[in-house]
Amino acid sequence: MLSDQKKIDILTSSYRDSSKKLRNEELGFKHYSACDLEICKDTIAQIDDAIKFLHEREKFIIYNEVVLGKRGKWYLEYYSPSAFKVRRKFAHKEFLRILEL
């Protein structure tokens, strides 16, 4: 069974890849099949919709990590490492619960 962190990593990768494909298609850099584009749109919509159901604290963390792809210690301006660890774990659990993963 996958850990919550691994699931978040997969969702982040899927979101970022889907966004990149849609952007490349829109700009004419690369073309994808209609099916691929539909999957990309669905992936982004599902994740965006799940984020909308989160409370502001969790939304902030998930948006920064999944949508913006932030890594490392981006949170230090907002949280101490220990507080972030607790809030991040809760945000991940809530996000995955909404997505039913």
PDB file of N, CA and C in Angstrom:
ATOM      1  N   MET A   1       0.839  -1.179   0.000  1.00  0.00           N
ATOM      2  CA  MET A   1       0.000   0.000   0.000  1.00  0.00           C
ATOM      3  C   MET A   1       0.890   1.250   0.000  1.00  0.00           C
ATOM      4  N   LEU A   2       0.483   2.242  -0.741  1.00  0.00           N
ATOM      5  CA  LEU A   2       1.256   3.480  -0.857  1.00  0.00           C
ATOM      6  C   LEU A   2       1.072   4.367   0.375  1.00  0.00           C
ATOM      7  N   SER A   3       2.143   5.025   0.767  1.00  0.00           N
ATOM      8  CA  SER A   3       2.053   5.980   1.873  1.00  0.00           C
ATOM      9  C   SER A   3       1.316   7.231   1.385  1.00  0.00           C
ATOM     10  N   ASP A   4       0.840   8.019   2.327  1.00  0.00           N
ATOM     11  CA  ASP A   4       0.170   9.273   1.967  1.00  0.00           C
ATOM     12  C   ASP A   4       1.110  10.173   1.184  1.00  0.00           C
ATOM     13  N   GLN A   5       2.380  10.229   1.588  1.00  0.00           N
ATOM     14  CA  GLN A   5       3.337  11.080   0.899  1.00  0.00           C
ATOM     15  C   GLN A   5       3.538  10.630  -0.538  1.00  0.00           C
ATOM     16  N   LYS A   6       3.602   9.332  -0.757  1.00  0.00           N
ATOM     17  CA  LYS A   6       3.773   8.804  -2.122  1.00  0.00           C
ATOM     18  C   LYS A   6       2.548   9.161  -2.968  1.00  0.00           C
ATOM     19  N   LYS A   7       1.366   9.057  -2.396  1.00  0.00           N
ATOM     20  CA  LYS A   7       0.141   9.429  -3.115  1.00  0.00           C
ATOM     21  C   LYS A   7       0.165  10.910  -3.497  1.00  0.00           C
ATOM     22  N   ILE A   8       0.577  11.749  -2.556  1.00  0.00           N
ATOM     23  CA  ILE A   8       0.676  13.187  -2.833  1.00  0.00           C
ATOM     24  C   ILE A   8       1.702  13.440  -3.928  1.00  0.00           C
ATOM     25  N   ASP A   9       2.824  12.738  -3.876  1.00  0.00           N
ATOM     26  CA  ASP A   9       3.850  12.895  -4.910  1.00  0.00           C
ATOM     27  C   ASP A   9       3.300  12.521  -6.293  1.00  0.00           C
ATOM     28  N   ILE A  10       2.533  11.456  -6.364  1.00  0.00           N
ATOM     29  CA  ILE A  10       1.946  11.023  -7.634  1.00  0.00           C
ATOM     30  C   ILE A  10       0.930  12.049  -8.126  1.00  0.00           C
ATOM     31  N   LEU A  11       0.094  12.551  -7.222  1.00  0.00           N
ATOM     32  CA  LEU A  11      -0.889  13.571  -7.596  1.00  0.00           C
ATOM     33  C   LEU A  11      -0.204  14.847  -8.076  1.00  0.00           C
ATOM     34  N   THR A  12       0.857  15.240  -7.393  1.00  0.00           N
ATOM     35  CA  THR A  12       1.610  16.434  -7.793  1.00  0.00           C
ATOM     36  C   THR A  12       2.185  16.252  -9.191  1.00  0.00           C
ATOM     37  N   SER A  13       2.794  15.126  -9.425  1.00  0.00           N
ATOM     38  CA  SER A  13       3.379  14.842 -10.729  1.00  0.00           C
ATOM     39  C   SER A  13       2.304  14.830 -11.820  1.00  0.00           C
ATOM     40  N   SER A  14       1.177  14.209 -11.536  1.00  0.00           N
ATOM     41  CA  SER A  14       0.073  14.150 -12.506  1.00  0.00           C
ATOM     42  C   SER A  14      -0.468  15.540 -12.811  1.00  0.00           C
ATOM     43  N   TYR A  15      -0.629  16.342 -11.775  1.00  0.00           N
ATOM     44  CA  TYR A  15      -1.148  17.694 -11.953  1.00  0.00           C
ATOM     45  C   TYR A  15      -0.179  18.525 -12.785  1.00  0.00           C
ATOM     46  N   ARG A  16       1.091  18.490 -12.418  1.00  0.00           N
ATOM     47  CA  ARG A  16       2.096  19.293 -13.117  1.00  0.00           C
ATOM     48  C   ARG A  16       2.262  18.831 -14.568  1.00  0.00           C
ATOM     49  N   ASP A  17       2.282  17.515 -14.800  1.00  0.00           N
ATOM     50  CA  ASP A  17       2.402  16.989 -16.167  1.00  0.00           C
ATOM     51  C   ASP A  17       1.190  17.373 -17.012  1.00  0.00           C
ATOM     52  N   SER A  18       0.009  17.266 -16.424  1.00  0.00           N
ATOM     53  CA  SER A  18      -1.211  17.623 -17.146  1.00  0.00           C
ATOM     54  C   SER A  18      -1.223  19.097 -17.497  1.00  0.00           C
ATOM     55  N   SER A  19      -0.826  19.936 -16.553  1.00  0.00           N
ATOM     56  CA  SER A  19      -0.768  21.380 -16.810  1.00  0.00           C
ATOM     57  C   SER A  19       0.219  21.697 -17.925  1.00  0.00           C
ATOM     58  N   LYS A  20       1.349  21.035 -17.898  1.00  0.00           N
ATOM     59  CA  LYS A  20       2.381  21.254 -18.905  1.00  0.00           C
ATOM     60  C   LYS A  20       1.881  20.846 -20.293  1.00  0.00           C
ATOM     61  N   LYS A  21       1.218  19.700 -20.381  1.00  0.00           N
ATOM     62  CA  LYS A  21       0.686  19.245 -21.666  1.00  0.00           C
ATOM     63  C   LYS A  21      -0.342  20.227 -22.213  1.00  0.00           C
ATOM     64  N   LEU A  22      -1.254  20.671 -21.354  1.00  0.00           N
ATOM     65  CA  LEU A  22      -2.280  21.612 -21.810  1.00  0.00           C
ATOM     66  C   LEU A  22      -1.653  22.931 -22.261  1.00  0.00           C
ATOM     67  N   ARG A  23      -0.652  23.390 -21.535  1.00  0.00           N
ATOM     68  CA  ARG A  23       0.032  24.627 -21.895  1.00  0.00           C
ATOM     69  C   ARG A  23       0.775  24.470 -23.228  1.00  0.00           C
ATOM     70  N   ASN A  24       1.470  23.347 -23.412  1.00  0.00           N
ATOM     71  CA  ASN A  24       2.175  23.087 -24.667  1.00  0.00           C
ATOM     72  C   ASN A  24       1.214  23.007 -25.848  1.00  0.00           C
ATOM     73  N   GLU A  25       0.074  22.376 -25.633  1.00  0.00           N
ATOM     74  CA  GLU A  25      -0.943  22.280 -26.689  1.00  0.00           C
ATOM     75  C   GLU A  25      -1.481  23.667 -27.031  1.00  0.00           C
ATOM     76  N   GLU A  26      -1.799  24.434 -26.007  1.00  0.00           N
ATOM     77  CA  GLU A  26      -2.344  25.781 -26.194  1.00  0.00           C
ATOM     78  C   GLU A  26      -1.377  26.690 -26.951  1.00  0.00           C
ATOM     79  N   LEU A  27      -0.100  26.562 -26.632  1.00  0.00           N
ATOM     80  CA  LEU A  27       0.912  27.404 -27.267  1.00  0.00           C
ATOM     81  C   LEU A  27       1.388  26.844 -28.615  1.00  0.00           C
ATOM     82  N   GLY A  28       0.930  25.659 -28.960  1.00  0.00           N
ATOM     83  CA  GLY A  28       1.289  25.052 -30.238  1.00  0.00           C
ATOM     84  C   GLY A  28       2.663  24.413 -30.268  1.00  0.00           C
ATOM     85  N   PHE A  29       3.271  24.207 -29.100  1.00  0.00           N
ATOM     86  CA  PHE A  29       4.598  23.603 -29.045  1.00  0.00           C
ATOM     87  C   PHE A  29       4.550  22.107 -29.337  1.00  0.00           C
ATOM     88  N   LYS A  30       3.476  21.477 -28.917  1.00  0.00           N
ATOM     89  CA  LYS A  30       3.321  20.044 -29.094  1.00  0.00           C
ATOM     90  C   LYS A  30       1.834  19.746 -29.155  1.00  0.00           C
ATOM     91  N   HIS A  31       1.484  18.702 -29.907  1.00  0.00           N
ATOM     92  CA  HIS A  31       0.075  18.335 -30.021  1.00  0.00           C
ATOM     93  C   HIS A  31      -0.158  16.956 -29.423  1.00  0.00           C
ATOM     94  N   TYR A  32      -1.297  16.824 -28.771  1.00  0.00           N
ATOM     95  CA  TYR A  32      -1.668  15.585 -28.104  1.00  0.00           C
ATOM     96  C   TYR A  32      -3.026  15.149 -28.629  1.00  0.00           C
ATOM     97  N   SER A  33      -3.336  13.893 -28.423  1.00  0.00           N
ATOM     98  CA  SER A  33      -4.631  13.385 -28.867  1.00  0.00           C
ATOM     99  C   SER A  33      -5.741  14.004 -28.019  1.00  0.00           C
ATOM    100  N   ALA A  34      -6.935  13.985 -28.570  1.00  0.00           N
ATOM    101  CA  ALA A  34      -8.090  14.520 -27.841  1.00  0.00           C
ATOM    102  C   ALA A  34      -8.287  13.760 -26.536  1.00  0.00           C
ATOM    103  N   CYS A  35      -8.031  12.481 -26.563  1.00  0.00           N
ATOM    104  CA  CYS A  35      -8.169  11.653 -25.356  1.00  0.00           C
ATOM    105  C   CYS A  35      -7.158  12.079 -24.290  1.00  0.00           C
ATOM    106  N   ASP A  36      -5.903  12.284 -24.689  1.00  0.00           N
ATOM    107  CA  ASP A  36      -4.878  12.747 -23.742  1.00  0.00           C
ATOM    108  C   ASP A  36      -5.260  14.090 -23.126  1.00  0.00           C
ATOM    109  N   LEU A  37      -5.746  14.988 -23.948  1.00  0.00           N
ATOM    110  CA  LEU A  37      -6.127  16.316 -23.453  1.00  0.00           C
ATOM    111  C   LEU A  37      -7.300  16.229 -22.486  1.00  0.00           C
ATOM    112  N   GLU A  38      -8.235  15.349 -22.786  1.00  0.00           N
ATOM    113  CA  GLU A  38      -9.389  15.172 -21.898  1.00  0.00           C
ATOM    114  C   GLU A  38      -8.956  14.611 -20.550  1.00  0.00           C
ATOM    115  N   ILE A  39      -8.043  13.665 -20.571  1.00  0.00           N
ATOM    116  CA  ILE A  39      -7.511  13.107 -19.319  1.00  0.00           C
ATOM    117  C   ILE A  39      -6.805  14.196 -18.518  1.00  0.00           C
ATOM    118  N   CYS A  40      -6.029  15.026 -19.183  1.00  0.00           N
ATOM    119  CA  CYS A  40      -5.342  16.129 -18.509  1.00  0.00           C
ATOM    120  C   CYS A  40      -6.340  17.090 -17.866  1.00  0.00           C
ATOM    121  N   LYS A  41      -7.357  17.457 -18.602  1.00  0.00           N
ATOM    122  CA  LYS A  41      -8.381  18.365 -18.070  1.00  0.00           C
ATOM    123  C   LYS A  41      -9.093  17.752 -16.880  1.00  0.00           C
ATOM    124  N   ASP A  42      -9.416  16.458 -16.969  1.00  0.00           N
ATOM    125  CA  ASP A  42     -10.088  15.770 -15.864  1.00  0.00           C
ATOM    126  C   ASP A  42      -9.209  15.702 -14.626  1.00  0.00           C
ATOM    127  N   THR A  43      -7.932  15.415 -14.826  1.00  0.00           N
ATOM    128  CA  THR A  43      -6.989  15.339 -13.706  1.00  0.00           C
ATOM    129  C   THR A  43      -6.915  16.672 -12.973  1.00  0.00           C
ATOM    130  N   ILE A  44      -6.750  17.730 -13.732  1.00  0.00           N
ATOM    131  CA  ILE A  44      -6.653  19.065 -13.139  1.00  0.00           C
ATOM    132  C   ILE A  44      -7.962  19.437 -12.441  1.00  0.00           C
ATOM    133  N   ALA A  45      -9.078  19.173 -13.083  1.00  0.00           N
ATOM    134  CA  ALA A  45     -10.380  19.517 -12.492  1.00  0.00           C
ATOM    135  C   ALA A  45     -10.626  18.764 -11.193  1.00  0.00           C
ATOM    136  N   GLN A  46     -10.287  17.479 -11.168  1.00  0.00           N
ATOM    137  CA  GLN A  46     -10.490  16.681  -9.962  1.00  0.00           C
ATOM    138  C   GLN A  46      -9.676  17.225  -8.794  1.00  0.00           C
ATOM    139  N   ILE A  47      -8.430  17.523  -9.049  1.00  0.00           N
ATOM    140  CA  ILE A  47      -7.556  18.031  -7.991  1.00  0.00           C
ATOM    141  C   ILE A  47      -7.983  19.434  -7.561  1.00  0.00           C
ATOM    142  N   ASP A  48      -8.294  20.296  -8.527  1.00  0.00           N
ATOM    143  CA  ASP A  48      -8.756  21.652  -8.196  1.00  0.00           C
ATOM    144  C   ASP A  48     -10.043  21.611  -7.383  1.00  0.00           C
ATOM    145  N   ASP A  49     -10.960  20.742  -7.748  1.00  0.00           N
ATOM    146  CA  ASP A  49     -12.225  20.627  -7.010  1.00  0.00           C
ATOM    147  C   ASP A  49     -11.986  20.138  -5.581  1.00  0.00           C
ATOM    148  N   ALA A  50     -11.092  19.182  -5.415  1.00  0.00           N
ATOM    149  CA  ALA A  50     -10.794  18.681  -4.072  1.00  0.00           C
ATOM    150  C   ALA A  50     -10.181  19.784  -3.211  1.00  0.00           C
ATOM    151  N   ILE A  51      -9.317  20.578  -3.785  1.00  0.00           N
ATOM    152  CA  ILE A  51      -8.683  21.672  -3.046  1.00  0.00           C
ATOM    153  C   ILE A  51      -9.734  22.670  -2.559  1.00  0.00           C
ATOM    154  N   LYS A  52     -10.757  22.914  -3.355  1.00  0.00           N
ATOM    155  CA  LYS A  52     -11.807  23.865  -2.969  1.00  0.00           C
ATOM    156  C   LYS A  52     -12.531  23.447  -1.693  1.00  0.00           C
ATOM    157  N   PHE A  53     -12.567  22.154  -1.395  1.00  0.00           N
ATOM    158  CA  PHE A  53     -13.276  21.665  -0.217  1.00  0.00           C
ATOM    159  C   PHE A  53     -12.434  21.697   1.056  1.00  0.00           C
ATOM    160  N   LEU A  54     -11.179  22.025   0.938  1.00  0.00           N
ATOM    161  CA  LEU A  54     -10.305  22.083   2.108  1.00  0.00           C
ATOM    162  C   LEU A  54     -10.501  23.399   2.857  1.00  0.00           C
ATOM    163  N   HIS A  55     -10.214  23.362   4.151  1.00  0.00           N
ATOM    164  CA  HIS A  55     -10.181  24.594   4.933  1.00  0.00           C
ATOM    165  C   HIS A  55      -8.945  25.379   4.529  1.00  0.00           C
ATOM    166  N   GLU A  56      -8.928  26.655   4.836  1.00  0.00           N
ATOM    167  CA  GLU A  56      -7.871  27.545   4.353  1.00  0.00           C
ATOM    168  C   GLU A  56      -6.453  27.067   4.677  1.00  0.00           C
ATOM    169  N   ARG A  57      -6.209  26.587   5.882  1.00  0.00           N
ATOM    170  CA  ARG A  57      -4.861  26.126   6.250  1.00  0.00           C
ATOM    171  C   ARG A  57      -4.397  24.971   5.374  1.00  0.00           C
ATOM    172  N   GLU A  58      -5.289  23.988   5.208  1.00  0.00           N
ATOM    173  CA  GLU A  58      -4.952  22.822   4.398  1.00  0.00           C
ATOM    174  C   GLU A  58      -4.858  23.208   2.923  1.00  0.00           C
ATOM    175  N   LYS A  59      -5.749  24.081   2.487  1.00  0.00           N
ATOM    176  CA  LYS A  59      -5.745  24.540   1.100  1.00  0.00           C
ATOM    177  C   LYS A  59      -4.412  25.214   0.771  1.00  0.00           C
ATOM    178  N   PHE A  60      -3.916  26.025   1.685  1.00  0.00           N
ATOM    179  CA  PHE A  60      -2.655  26.731   1.499  1.00  0.00           C
ATOM    180  C   PHE A  60      -1.511  25.741   1.274  1.00  0.00           C
ATOM    181  N   ILE A  61      -1.441  24.718   2.093  1.00  0.00           N
ATOM    182  CA  ILE A  61      -0.368  23.732   1.995  1.00  0.00           C
ATOM    183  C   ILE A  61      -0.494  22.914   0.711  1.00  0.00           C
ATOM    184  N   ILE A  62      -1.672  22.395   0.438  1.00  0.00           N
ATOM    185  CA  ILE A  62      -1.871  21.556  -0.748  1.00  0.00           C
ATOM    186  C   ILE A  62      -1.674  22.365  -2.021  1.00  0.00           C
ATOM    187  N   TYR A  63      -2.173  23.580  -2.067  1.00  0.00           N
ATOM    188  CA  TYR A  63      -2.004  24.413  -3.255  1.00  0.00           C
ATOM    189  C   TYR A  63      -0.515  24.644  -3.546  1.00  0.00           C
ATOM    190  N   ASN A  64       0.225  24.992  -2.510  1.00  0.00           N
ATOM    191  CA  ASN A  64       1.649  25.252  -2.691  1.00  0.00           C
ATOM    192  C   ASN A  64       2.419  24.001  -3.100  1.00  0.00           C
ATOM    193  N   GLU A  65       2.085  22.866  -2.509  1.00  0.00           N
ATOM    194  CA  GLU A  65       2.819  21.642  -2.811  1.00  0.00           C
ATOM    195  C   GLU A  65       2.372  20.992  -4.120  1.00  0.00           C
ATOM    196  N   VAL A  66       1.074  20.848  -4.312  1.00  0.00           N
ATOM    197  CA  VAL A  66       0.569  20.107  -5.472  1.00  0.00           C
ATOM    198  C   VAL A  66       0.487  20.982  -6.717  1.00  0.00           C
ATOM    199  N   VAL A  67      -0.159  22.113  -6.621  1.00  0.00           N
ATOM    200  CA  VAL A  67      -0.369  22.965  -7.797  1.00  0.00           C
ATOM    201  C   VAL A  67       0.915  23.699  -8.185  1.00  0.00           C
ATOM    202  N   LEU A  68       1.565  24.321  -7.205  1.00  0.00           N
ATOM    203  CA  LEU A  68       2.773  25.082  -7.500  1.00  0.00           C
ATOM    204  C   LEU A  68       4.039  24.233  -7.494  1.00  0.00           C
ATOM    205  N   GLY A  69       3.949  23.037  -6.920  1.00  0.00           N
ATOM    206  CA  GLY A  69       5.090  22.120  -6.913  1.00  0.00           C
ATOM    207  C   GLY A  69       6.232  22.548  -6.017  1.00  0.00           C
ATOM    208  N   LYS A  70       5.946  23.317  -4.988  1.00  0.00           N
ATOM    209  CA  LYS A  70       7.011  23.785  -4.087  1.00  0.00           C
ATOM    210  C   LYS A  70       7.567  22.618  -3.278  1.00  0.00           C
ATOM    211  N   ARG A  71       8.865  22.628  -3.111  1.00  0.00           N
ATOM    212  CA  ARG A  71       9.579  21.618  -2.342  1.00  0.00           C
ATOM    213  C   ARG A  71      10.530  22.329  -1.390  1.00  0.00           C
ATOM    214  N   GLY A  72      11.139  21.551  -0.548  1.00  0.00           N
ATOM    215  CA  GLY A  72      12.117  22.128   0.366  1.00  0.00           C
ATOM    216  C   GLY A  72      11.461  22.864   1.521  1.00  0.00           C
ATOM    217  N   LYS A  73      12.054  23.951   1.924  1.00  0.00           N
ATOM    218  CA  LYS A  73      11.603  24.665   3.124  1.00  0.00           C
ATOM    219  C   LYS A  73      10.845  25.945   2.783  1.00  0.00           C
ATOM    220  N   TRP A  74       9.991  25.875   1.786  1.00  0.00           N
ATOM    221  CA  TRP A  74       9.210  27.029   1.347  1.00  0.00           C
ATOM    222  C   TRP A  74       8.317  27.572   2.462  1.00  0.00           C
ATOM    223  N   TYR A  75       7.956  26.745   3.395  1.00  0.00           N
ATOM    224  CA  TYR A  75       6.983  27.053   4.448  1.00  0.00           C
ATOM    225  C   TYR A  75       7.555  27.870   5.606  1.00  0.00           C
ATOM    226  N   LEU A  76       8.870  28.026   5.682  1.00  0.00           N
ATOM    227  CA  LEU A  76       9.494  28.649   6.855  1.00  0.00           C
ATOM    228  C   LEU A  76       9.026  30.071   7.122  1.00  0.00           C
ATOM    229  N   GLU A  77       8.559  30.744   6.109  1.00  0.00           N
ATOM    230  CA  GLU A  77       8.029  32.092   6.292  1.00  0.00           C
ATOM    231  C   GLU A  77       6.691  32.069   7.059  1.00  0.00           C
ATOM    232  N   TYR A  78       6.045  30.907   7.073  1.00  0.00           N
ATOM    233  CA  TYR A  78       4.705  30.790   7.641  1.00  0.00           C
ATOM    234  C   TYR A  78       4.629  29.902   8.877  1.00  0.00           C
ATOM    235  N   TYR A  79       5.460  28.853   8.929  1.00  0.00           N
ATOM    236  CA  TYR A  79       5.387  27.860  10.001  1.00  0.00           C
ATOM    237  C   TYR A  79       6.786  27.479  10.479  1.00  0.00           C
ATOM    238  N   SER A  80       6.850  27.054  11.719  1.00  0.00           N
ATOM    239  CA  SER A  80       8.071  26.411  12.191  1.00  0.00           C
ATOM    240  C   SER A  80       8.082  25.004  11.592  1.00  0.00           C
ATOM    241  N   PRO A  81       9.241  24.370  11.504  1.00  0.00           N
ATOM    242  CA  PRO A  81       9.292  23.014  10.939  1.00  0.00           C
ATOM    243  C   PRO A  81       8.372  22.024  11.662  1.00  0.00           C
ATOM    244  N   SER A  82       8.323  22.093  12.987  1.00  0.00           N
ATOM    245  CA  SER A  82       7.481  21.146  13.724  1.00  0.00           C
ATOM    246  C   SER A  82       5.989  21.418  13.495  1.00  0.00           C
ATOM    247  N   ALA A  83       5.606  22.672  13.485  1.00  0.00           N
ATOM    248  CA  ALA A  83       4.194  23.007  13.239  1.00  0.00           C
ATOM    249  C   ALA A  83       3.802  22.624  11.811  1.00  0.00           C
ATOM    250  N   PHE A  84       4.697  22.860  10.871  1.00  0.00           N
ATOM    251  CA  PHE A  84       4.403  22.516   9.482  1.00  0.00           C
ATOM    252  C   PHE A  84       4.228  21.019   9.310  1.00  0.00           C
ATOM    253  N   LYS A  85       5.077  20.254   9.966  1.00  0.00           N
ATOM    254  CA  LYS A  85       4.992  18.791   9.848  1.00  0.00           C
ATOM    255  C   LYS A  85       3.618  18.289  10.279  1.00  0.00           C
ATOM    256  N   VAL A  86       3.110  18.812  11.371  1.00  0.00           N
ATOM    257  CA  VAL A  86       1.795  18.409  11.879  1.00  0.00           C
ATOM    258  C   VAL A  86       0.688  18.862  10.923  1.00  0.00           C
ATOM    259  N   ARG A  87       0.735  20.108  10.495  1.00  0.00           N
ATOM    260  CA  ARG A  87      -0.304  20.655   9.609  1.00  0.00           C
ATOM    261  C   ARG A  87      -0.268  20.007   8.231  1.00  0.00           C
ATOM    262  N   ARG A  88       0.929  19.732   7.763  1.00  0.00           N
ATOM    263  CA  ARG A  88       1.076  19.090   6.453  1.00  0.00           C
ATOM    264  C   ARG A  88       0.479  17.684   6.472  1.00  0.00           C
ATOM    265  N   LYS A  89       0.764  16.945   7.516  1.00  0.00           N
ATOM    266  CA  LYS A  89       0.224  15.585   7.636  1.00  0.00           C
ATOM    267  C   LYS A  89      -1.304  15.621   7.630  1.00  0.00           C
ATOM    268  N   PHE A  90      -1.878  16.552   8.376  1.00  0.00           N
ATOM    269  CA  PHE A  90      -3.332  16.684   8.411  1.00  0.00           C
ATOM    270  C   PHE A  90      -3.869  17.109   7.046  1.00  0.00           C
ATOM    271  N   ALA A  91      -3.194  18.060   6.401  1.00  0.00           N
ATOM    272  CA  ALA A  91      -3.625  18.528   5.074  1.00  0.00           C
ATOM    273  C   ALA A  91      -3.606  17.387   4.067  1.00  0.00           C
ATOM    274  N   HIS A  92      -2.563  16.569   4.100  1.00  0.00           N
ATOM    275  CA  HIS A  92      -2.478  15.422   3.197  1.00  0.00           C
ATOM    276  C   HIS A  92      -3.623  14.452   3.435  1.00  0.00           C
ATOM    277  N   LYS A  93      -3.882  14.149   4.690  1.00  0.00           N
ATOM    278  CA  LYS A  93      -4.967  13.208   5.022  1.00  0.00           C
ATOM    279  C   LYS A  93      -6.323  13.734   4.552  1.00  0.00           C
ATOM    280  N   GLU A  94      -6.588  14.999   4.797  1.00  0.00           N
ATOM    281  CA  GLU A  94      -7.862  15.593   4.375  1.00  0.00           C
ATOM    282  C   GLU A  94      -8.006  15.614   2.854  1.00  0.00           C
ATOM    283  N   PHE A  95      -6.946  15.990   2.173  1.00  0.00           N
ATOM    284  CA  PHE A  95      -6.952  16.050   0.715  1.00  0.00           C
ATOM    285  C   PHE A  95      -7.208  14.659   0.126  1.00  0.00           C
ATOM    286  N   LEU A  96      -6.512  13.663   0.633  1.00  0.00           N
ATOM    287  CA  LEU A  96      -6.701  12.299   0.141  1.00  0.00           C
ATOM    288  C   LEU A  96      -8.078  11.761   0.497  1.00  0.00           C
ATOM    289  N   ARG A  97      -8.591  12.158   1.652  1.00  0.00           N
ATOM    290  CA  ARG A  97      -9.945  11.732   2.053  1.00  0.00           C
ATOM    291  C   ARG A  97     -10.975  12.292   1.065  1.00  0.00           C
ATOM    292  N   ILE A  98     -10.844  13.545   0.718  1.00  0.00           N
ATOM    293  CA  ILE A  98     -11.773  14.173  -0.241  1.00  0.00           C
ATOM    294  C   ILE A  98     -11.695  13.480  -1.595  1.00  0.00           C
ATOM    295  N   LEU A  99     -10.493  13.123  -2.001  1.00  0.00           N
ATOM    296  CA  LEU A  99     -10.314  12.431  -3.282  1.00  0.00           C
ATOM    297  C   LEU A  99     -10.657  10.946  -3.197  1.00  0.00           C
ATOM    298  N   GLU A 100     -10.918  10.485  -1.982  1.00  0.00           N
ATOM    299  CA  GLU A 100     -11.247   9.072  -1.717  1.00  0.00           C
ATOM    300  C   GLU A 100     -10.111   8.153  -2.122  1.00  0.00           C
ATOM    301  N   LEU A 101      -8.886   8.551  -1.763  1.00  0.00           N
ATOM    302  CA  LEU A 101      -7.697   7.735  -2.047  1.00  0.00           C
ATOM    303  C   LEU A 101      -7.128   7.160  -0.780  1.00  0.00           C
TER     304      LEU A 101
END
